[in-house]
Protein backbone atom coordinates (compact mmCIF):
# COMPACT_ATOMS: atom_id res chain seq x y z
CA MET A 1 -0.05 -0.10 -0.04
CA SER A 2 2.88 2.47 0.64
CA ASP A 3 4.30 2.58 -2.89
CA ALA A 4 0.85 3.11 -4.20
CA ILE A 5 0.26 6.18 -1.83
CA GLN A 6 3.36 7.78 -2.11
CA ILE A 7 2.87 7.61 -6.09
CA PHE A 8 -0.65 9.11 -5.82
CA HIS A 9 0.67 11.90 -3.58
CA GLU A 10 3.60 12.67 -6.00
CA ASP A 11 1.76 12.63 -9.00
CA GLU A 12 -1.19 14.91 -7.51
CA LYS A 13 1.68 17.36 -6.66
CA SER A 14 2.57 17.91 -10.36
CA GLU A 15 -0.89 18.27 -11.57
CA GLY A 16 -1.80 21.87 -13.09
CA PHE A 17 -4.79 23.68 -12.01
CA ALA A 18 -5.25 25.91 -14.93
CA SER A 19 -8.99 25.87 -15.28
CA ILE A 20 -12.18 26.44 -12.71
CA GLN A 21 -13.16 22.98 -13.19
CA GLN A 22 -9.55 21.63 -12.78
CA ARG A 23 -9.63 23.63 -9.28
CA LYS A 24 -13.13 21.91 -8.19
CA ILE A 25 -11.37 18.55 -8.71
CA ALA A 26 -8.04 19.99 -7.06
CA GLY A 27 -10.40 20.36 -3.77
CA VAL A 28 -11.84 16.71 -4.02
CA LYS A 29 -8.20 15.55 -4.29
CA ILE A 30 -6.88 17.73 -1.56
CA LYS A 31 -9.64 15.89 0.61
CA VAL A 32 -8.77 12.55 -0.08
CA ARG A 33 -5.08 13.16 0.16
CA ILE A 34 -5.42 14.52 3.58
CA ALA A 35 -7.24 11.00 4.30
CA ILE A 36 -5.05 9.01 2.69
CA SER A 37 -2.07 11.03 4.61
CA ALA A 38 -3.97 10.40 7.81
CA ILE A 39 -3.84 6.31 7.01
CA GLY A 40 -0.26 6.57 6.48
CA LEU A 41 0.45 8.36 9.94
CA LEU A 42 -1.78 5.85 11.53
CA ILE A 43 0.08 2.95 9.89
CA LEU A 44 3.23 4.62 11.26
CA CYS A 45 1.91 5.54 14.81
CA VAL A 46 2.49 1.95 16.06
CA GLY A 47 4.21 -0.34 13.57
CA GLY A 48 7.09 2.20 12.95
CA ALA A 49 6.95 1.67 9.17
CA ALA A 50 4.41 1.79 6.43
CA ALA A 51 2.35 -1.11 6.35
CA ALA A 52 -1.39 -2.00 6.11
CA PHE A 53 -3.40 -3.39 9.11
CA ASP A 54 -1.56 -1.32 11.65
CA ASP A 55 -2.43 -3.12 15.26
CA ILE A 56 -4.75 -0.06 16.58
CA GLY A 57 -6.34 -2.61 19.02
CA VAL A 58 -9.90 -3.83 19.42
CA GLY A 59 -12.39 -2.93 22.18
CA ALA A 60 -12.71 -0.08 24.74
CA ARG A 61 -11.89 -2.21 27.84
CA PRO A 62 -8.51 -3.55 26.74
CA LEU A 63 -7.71 0.10 25.32
CA GLY A 64 -8.46 1.51 28.78
CA MET A 65 -6.09 -0.83 30.40
CA GLY A 66 -3.40 0.40 27.96
CA GLY A 67 -3.60 -2.24 25.61
CA ALA A 68 -2.18 -4.70 28.08
CA PHE A 69 -4.66 -7.86 27.53
CA VAL A 70 -3.10 -11.00 26.39
CA ALA A 71 -2.85 -12.34 29.63
CA VAL A 72 -6.50 -11.81 30.55
CA ALA A 73 -8.66 -12.44 27.09
CA ASP A 74 -11.85 -12.87 28.88
CA ASP A 75 -14.50 -11.20 26.53
CA GLY A 76 -15.65 -10.67 23.42
CA ASN A 77 -12.39 -9.06 22.47
CA ALA A 78 -10.43 -12.31 23.19
CA ALA A 79 -9.48 -13.42 20.08
CA SER A 80 -7.91 -10.12 18.89
CA TYR A 81 -5.50 -10.07 21.72
CA ASN A 82 -4.98 -13.71 22.64
CA ALA A 83 -7.04 -16.77 21.01
CA ALA A 84 -6.26 -18.93 24.13
CA GLY A 85 -8.67 -16.92 25.96
CA LEU A 86 -11.74 -18.52 24.60
CA GLY A 87 -10.93 -21.81 26.39
CA HIS A 88 -11.66 -20.00 29.41
CA ILE A 89 -14.99 -18.39 28.33
CA ARG A 90 -17.73 -20.53 29.53
CA THR A 91 -20.89 -18.44 28.45
CA PRO A 92 -21.72 -16.86 24.86
CA HIS A 93 -20.19 -13.64 23.99
CA LEU A 94 -21.20 -10.64 21.68
CA SER A 95 -19.34 -7.55 21.09
CA LEU A 96 -19.03 -4.52 19.36
CA THR A 97 -16.80 -1.56 18.85
CA THR A 98 -16.88 1.45 17.25
CA THR A 99 -13.86 4.36 17.36
CA GLN A 100 -12.76 7.50 15.48
CA ARG A 101 -9.28 8.60 15.14
CA PHE A 102 -7.73 11.99 13.67
CA ARG A 103 -11.16 13.83 14.38
CA GLY A 104 -13.10 11.38 12.31
CA LEU A 105 -11.05 10.88 9.16
CA ILE A 106 -10.37 7.42 10.08
CA ASN A 107 -13.32 5.10 11.34
CA TYR A 108 -12.82 1.32 12.66
CA ASN A 109 -15.50 -0.89 13.47
CA HIS A 110 -15.47 -4.33 14.72
CA ILE A 111 -17.85 -6.87 15.85
CA GLY A 112 -17.18 -10.38 17.60
CA GLY A 113 -18.86 -13.36 19.03
CA ILE A 114 -17.77 -16.35 20.96
CA LEU A 115 -19.55 -19.76 21.38
CA PRO A 116 -18.51 -22.03 24.11
CA LEU A 117 -19.09 -25.75 23.16
CA GLN A 118 -18.47 -27.19 26.81
CA SER A 119 -15.84 -29.68 26.80
CA VAL A 120 -15.18 -29.34 23.10
CA GLY A 121 -13.69 -25.73 23.41
CA SER A 122 -14.95 -22.43 22.44
CA LEU A 123 -15.39 -20.83 18.90
CA GLY A 124 -15.25 -17.47 17.69
CA ALA A 125 -15.78 -15.28 14.95
CA SER A 126 -15.23 -11.67 14.13
CA ILE A 127 -15.02 -8.93 11.06
CA GLY A 128 -12.95 -5.68 11.53
CA ILE A 129 -13.46 -2.77 9.15
CA LEU A 130 -11.01 0.26 8.91
CA ASN A 131 -12.00 3.18 6.45
CA GLU A 132 -11.67 6.69 6.14
CA ASP A 133 -14.15 9.35 5.50
CA SER A 134 -14.12 9.65 1.65
CA GLU A 135 -14.15 5.90 1.22
CA VAL A 136 -11.56 5.67 -1.01
CA TYR A 137 -9.57 3.22 1.21
CA LYS A 138 -10.73 0.05 3.29
CA GLU A 139 -9.38 -2.56 5.26
CA GLN A 140 -11.02 -5.63 6.53
CA THR A 141 -10.13 -8.57 8.64
CA ILE A 142 -12.15 -11.34 9.18
CA THR A 143 -11.36 -13.94 11.82
CA VAL A 144 -12.19 -17.48 12.91
CA SER A 145 -11.07 -18.97 16.13
CA TYR A 146 -11.01 -21.76 18.39
CA GLY A 147 -9.67 -21.88 22.00
CA LYS A 148 -9.53 -25.00 24.40
CA THR A 149 -8.29 -25.38 28.10
CA PHE A 150 -6.26 -28.45 29.52
CA LEU A 151 -5.90 -29.34 33.18
CA GLN A 152 -7.73 -25.95 33.83
CA ARG A 153 -4.47 -24.22 34.03
CA LEU A 154 -3.34 -24.43 30.65
CA ALA A 155 -5.15 -22.91 27.44
CA VAL A 156 -4.36 -22.76 23.68
CA GLY A 157 -6.07 -21.34 20.65
CA VAL A 158 -5.78 -20.21 17.00
CA ASN A 159 -6.99 -17.70 14.98
CA LEU A 160 -7.54 -18.13 10.99
CA LYS A 161 -7.52 -14.42 9.30
CA SER A 162 -8.17 -13.13 6.10
CA PHE A 163 -7.08 -9.76 5.36
CA THR A 164 -8.27 -7.56 2.37
CA VAL A 165 -7.83 -4.09 1.04
CA ARG A 166 -9.59 -2.08 -1.25
CA PHE A 167 -9.42 1.29 -3.29
CA ASP A 168 -12.20 2.85 -4.59
CA GLU A 169 -12.26 1.98 -8.39
CA ASN A 170 -14.61 4.37 -9.19
CA ASN A 171 -12.42 7.33 -7.69
CA GLU A 172 -11.36 9.55 -10.39
CA SER A 173 -7.96 9.59 -8.60
CA VAL A 174 -7.81 5.76 -8.21
CA SER A 175 -8.65 5.24 -12.05
CA ALA A 176 -5.75 7.61 -13.04
CA HIS A 177 -3.01 5.91 -11.16
CA LEU A 178 -4.52 2.40 -12.36
CA LYS A 179 -3.90 3.74 -15.97
CA ASN A 180 -0.46 5.56 -15.45
CA ASN A 181 1.21 3.80 -12.73
CA ARG A 182 0.62 0.21 -13.17
CA GLN A 183 3.87 -0.88 -11.60
CA PHE A 184 3.09 0.78 -8.48
CA PHE A 185 -0.87 0.48 -8.67
CA ALA A 186 -1.51 -2.53 -10.45
CA ARG A 187 -5.09 -3.48 -9.31
CA THR A 188 -7.70 -2.10 -6.71
CA SER A 189 -7.82 -4.75 -3.97
CA ALA A 190 -5.82 -7.43 -2.66
CA ALA A 191 -6.38 -10.15 -0.37
CA ASP A 192 -4.34 -12.91 1.59
CA PHE A 193 -4.41 -15.18 4.71
CA SER A 194 -2.56 -16.16 7.96
CA PHE A 195 -3.16 -17.24 11.34
CA ASP A 196 -2.29 -16.74 15.07
CA LEU A 197 -1.14 -19.09 18.19
CA GLY A 198 -2.07 -18.17 21.56
CA MET A 199 -1.25 -19.89 24.79
CA MET A 200 -2.22 -19.05 28.53
CA VAL A 201 -0.67 -20.60 31.85
CA GLN A 202 -1.55 -20.15 35.04
CA PRO A 203 1.50 -21.20 37.23
CA VAL A 204 0.10 -20.15 40.25
CA THR A 205 -3.08 -18.84 42.26
CA GLY A 206 -4.20 -15.48 41.02
CA LEU A 207 -1.06 -15.32 38.24
CA THR A 208 -1.60 -15.77 34.52
CA VAL A 209 1.06 -15.76 31.85
CA GLY A 210 -0.16 -14.91 28.07
CA LEU A 211 1.77 -15.49 24.99
CA SER A 212 0.27 -14.76 21.42
CA ALA A 213 2.22 -14.81 18.02
CA GLU A 214 0.21 -13.20 15.44
CA ASN A 215 0.27 -13.10 11.48
CA LEU A 216 2.75 -15.93 11.26
CA PHE A 217 2.19 -16.60 7.77
CA PRO A 218 3.67 -13.63 5.74
CA ALA A 219 0.32 -12.33 4.37
CA ASN A 220 0.91 -9.90 1.29
CA VAL A 221 -1.64 -7.32 0.73
CA SER A 222 0.06 -5.25 -1.81
CA VAL A 223 -1.88 -3.63 -4.65
CA SER A 224 1.38 -3.20 -6.62
CA GLU A 225 3.59 -5.28 -8.89
CA ALA A 226 7.00 -3.66 -7.53
CA SER A 227 6.84 -4.45 -3.84
CA GLU A 228 5.35 -6.46 -1.24
CA ASP A 229 3.13 -5.03 1.43
CA LEU A 230 3.33 -8.03 4.50
CA VAL A 231 1.12 -7.95 7.41
CA PRO A 232 3.38 -7.26 10.20
CA ARG A 233 4.19 -9.94 12.62
CA ASN A 234 2.98 -9.26 16.37
CA ILE A 235 4.32 -11.08 19.39
CA ARG A 236 2.74 -10.50 22.80
CA VAL A 237 4.05 -11.80 26.11
CA GLY A 238 2.29 -10.53 29.34
CA LEU A 239 1.12 -11.12 32.95
CA ALA A 240 -2.09 -10.76 34.69
CA TYR A 241 -2.36 -10.80 38.50
CA ARG A 242 -5.81 -10.91 39.85
CA LEU A 243 -6.09 -9.25 43.34
CA ALA A 244 -8.62 -11.18 44.84
CA THR A 245 -5.48 -13.43 45.86
CA ILE A 246 -4.84 -10.68 48.54
CA ALA A 247 -8.39 -9.24 49.15
CA SER A 248 -8.81 -11.96 52.18
CA SER A 249 -5.78 -10.38 53.77
CA THR A 250 -7.56 -6.98 54.11
CA LYS A 251 -9.15 -5.85 57.03
CA GLN A 252 -11.34 -3.25 55.50
CA GLU A 253 -14.56 -5.13 54.41
CA ALA A 254 -15.24 -2.51 51.51
CA LEU A 255 -11.67 -2.55 50.36
CA ARG A 256 -11.79 -6.38 50.28
CA GLU A 257 -14.80 -6.26 47.89
CA VAL A 258 -13.22 -3.92 45.52
CA LEU A 259 -10.09 -5.98 45.27
CA LYS A 260 -11.66 -9.25 44.58
CA SER A 261 -12.42 -7.93 41.14
CA GLY A 262 -9.24 -5.83 40.64
CA LEU A 263 -6.65 -6.77 38.05
CA GLY A 264 -2.96 -5.58 37.42
CA LEU A 265 -1.73 -6.33 33.89
CA PHE A 266 1.71 -5.72 32.51
CA GLU A 267 2.58 -6.66 28.68
CA ILE A 268 5.52 -6.68 26.11
CA ALA A 269 4.94 -6.39 22.64
CA SER A 270 7.16 -6.73 19.64
CA ARG A 271 6.13 -5.83 16.07
CA GLN A 272 8.60 -5.11 13.06
CA GLY A 273 11.40 -4.58 15.29
CA ASP A 274 9.90 -2.26 17.72
CA ARG A 275 9.19 -2.99 21.51
CA HIS A 276 6.10 -1.99 23.11
CA LEU A 277 5.32 -2.00 26.89
CA HIS A 278 1.84 -2.00 28.13
CA ALA A 279 0.64 -1.58 31.73
CA GLY A 280 -3.14 -1.33 33.17
CA ALA A 281 -5.41 -2.08 36.21
CA GLU A 282 -8.76 -2.54 36.40
CA LEU A 283 -11.24 -2.26 39.48
CA TRP A 284 -14.85 -2.92 39.76
CA LEU A 285 -16.28 -0.91 42.32
CA ASN A 286 -19.43 -3.12 42.44
CA ARG A 287 -21.11 -5.30 39.81
CA ALA A 288 -22.46 -2.26 38.02
CA ILE A 289 -19.73 0.19 37.47
CA GLY A 290 -15.75 -0.60 36.63
CA VAL A 291 -12.90 1.77 36.35
CA ARG A 292 -9.47 1.33 34.24
CA ALA A 293 -6.32 3.16 33.71
CA GLY A 294 -3.25 2.14 31.56
CA TYR A 295 -0.23 3.14 29.86
CA SER A 296 1.78 2.51 26.85
CA LEU A 297 5.14 3.20 25.46
CA ARG A 298 6.39 2.40 22.00
CA GLY A 299 10.24 2.34 21.19
CA GLY A 300 11.81 2.38 17.96
CA ALA A 301 12.29 5.15 15.39
CA SER A 302 9.39 7.21 16.30
CA PRO A 303 8.91 6.60 20.10
CA ALA A 304 5.53 7.50 21.53
CA THR A 305 3.38 7.01 25.04
CA SER A 306 -0.25 7.32 25.58
CA ILE A 307 -2.04 7.67 28.63
CA ALA A 308 -5.56 5.90 28.82
CA LEU A 309 -8.68 5.91 31.01
CA GLY A 310 -11.88 3.99 30.78
CA GLY A 311 -14.68 2.58 32.51
CA SER A 312 -17.73 0.63 32.43
CA VAL A 313 -21.45 0.23 33.09
CA ALA A 314 -23.32 -3.18 33.25
CA VAL A 315 -26.94 -3.56 33.31
CA PRO A 316 -28.50 -7.37 33.94
CA ILE A 317 -31.32 -7.70 31.12
CA ALA A 318 -33.31 -10.94 31.80
CA ALA A 319 -30.49 -14.12 31.12
CA ALA A 320 -27.79 -11.71 29.87
CA ARG A 321 -25.67 -9.05 31.16
CA LEU A 322 -25.34 -5.80 28.90
CA GLN A 323 -22.07 -3.89 29.30
CA LEU A 324 -21.29 -0.70 28.01
CA ASP A 325 -17.14 -0.10 27.80
CA TYR A 326 -15.68 3.42 27.05
CA ALA A 327 -12.11 4.48 26.79
CA PHE A 328 -10.30 7.80 26.35
CA GLN A 329 -6.54 7.79 25.01
CA LEU A 330 -4.28 10.62 25.00
CA LEU A 331 -1.18 10.49 22.53
CA THR A 332 2.17 11.68 22.26
CA GLY A 333 5.06 11.66 19.91
CA PRO A 334 4.09 12.02 16.05
CA LEU A 335 0.59 12.12 17.08
CA ALA A 336 1.06 14.67 20.05
CA ASP A 337 -2.28 16.04 21.23
CA ASN A 338 -4.30 13.85 19.61
CA THR A 339 -7.18 11.77 21.31
CA THR A 340 -8.90 8.70 20.82
CA GLN A 341 -12.41 7.85 22.21
CA ARG A 342 -13.69 4.26 22.03
CA PHE A 343 -16.97 2.64 22.64
CA SER A 344 -17.95 -0.87 23.04
CA LEU A 345 -21.10 -2.69 23.56
CA ASN A 346 -20.96 -6.54 25.23
CA LEU A 347 -23.41 -8.92 25.75
CA MET A 348 -22.67 -11.60 27.79
CA PHE A 349 -25.33 -14.54 28.23
CA GLU A 350 -25.81 -16.58 31.47
């Protein structure tokens, strides 16, 4: 995708705007160029290099904990962080997430479901779609997941993933580049497949170790004939400690009840050679209200940090529990002063 976008920009800069009609067309192209530039910035912000399918995270709850979720993965977002988490889920889950970035230039929507099959394990399926407001460019990820526990303290899981990128062939600029820059813009769409492997281990009571290796097969989603655009591999390793193990030693009853639901999280991730640190915490003040905080640090050529705050409101509905999650993220580095707000709706059946 990076070569196509680069040529897209260079050719637009060289165009003359002699007539009024050309100026009108130029106005449209400027909007498209801003949107595509935002995509490039989005791709750069975590991965450290131009590539499709950047890891922007899924779900407001994980984001509210700084993205440290590989050792928890216990809700409808599980497969996006560690497919092994599906093995610990005992009731059906449905999750919907929507987010906007760069003041609405980038939109991302995700829906996922998990169906436990008792001793057989749990199956999951999800679809995520990223596009920009002019709809010139779109990314789509479809995932089918499976997870199972062994001896209660060990869980393993796998994701099979389909990646698709698509440019709008009816867009005037896209059509022009298809005619004039076939080497770098040979087609308007590309698709490929990959898979993830995950594992979760509970070595001692209250402590969980999570490991996820994502995009192990080199999926190529380039629309160019001159180069590849591989979906980056992503390795996550993390720890989750449930504060319920120390709650019994707390004398204050109110604090003891809060600690029973508490989580402390730490995670290290590696993507395209860049290291990412994530840390977060979660507390449920009661069965209806939860609060979260998180921090993440990205190294590499473009270091950046982010601070996240989040919360949840849960409401029982018949034989289900409806949970609304919210997260607010403040970014630094290349995206300084930018913020992200994310909303998720989770339905957990009894």
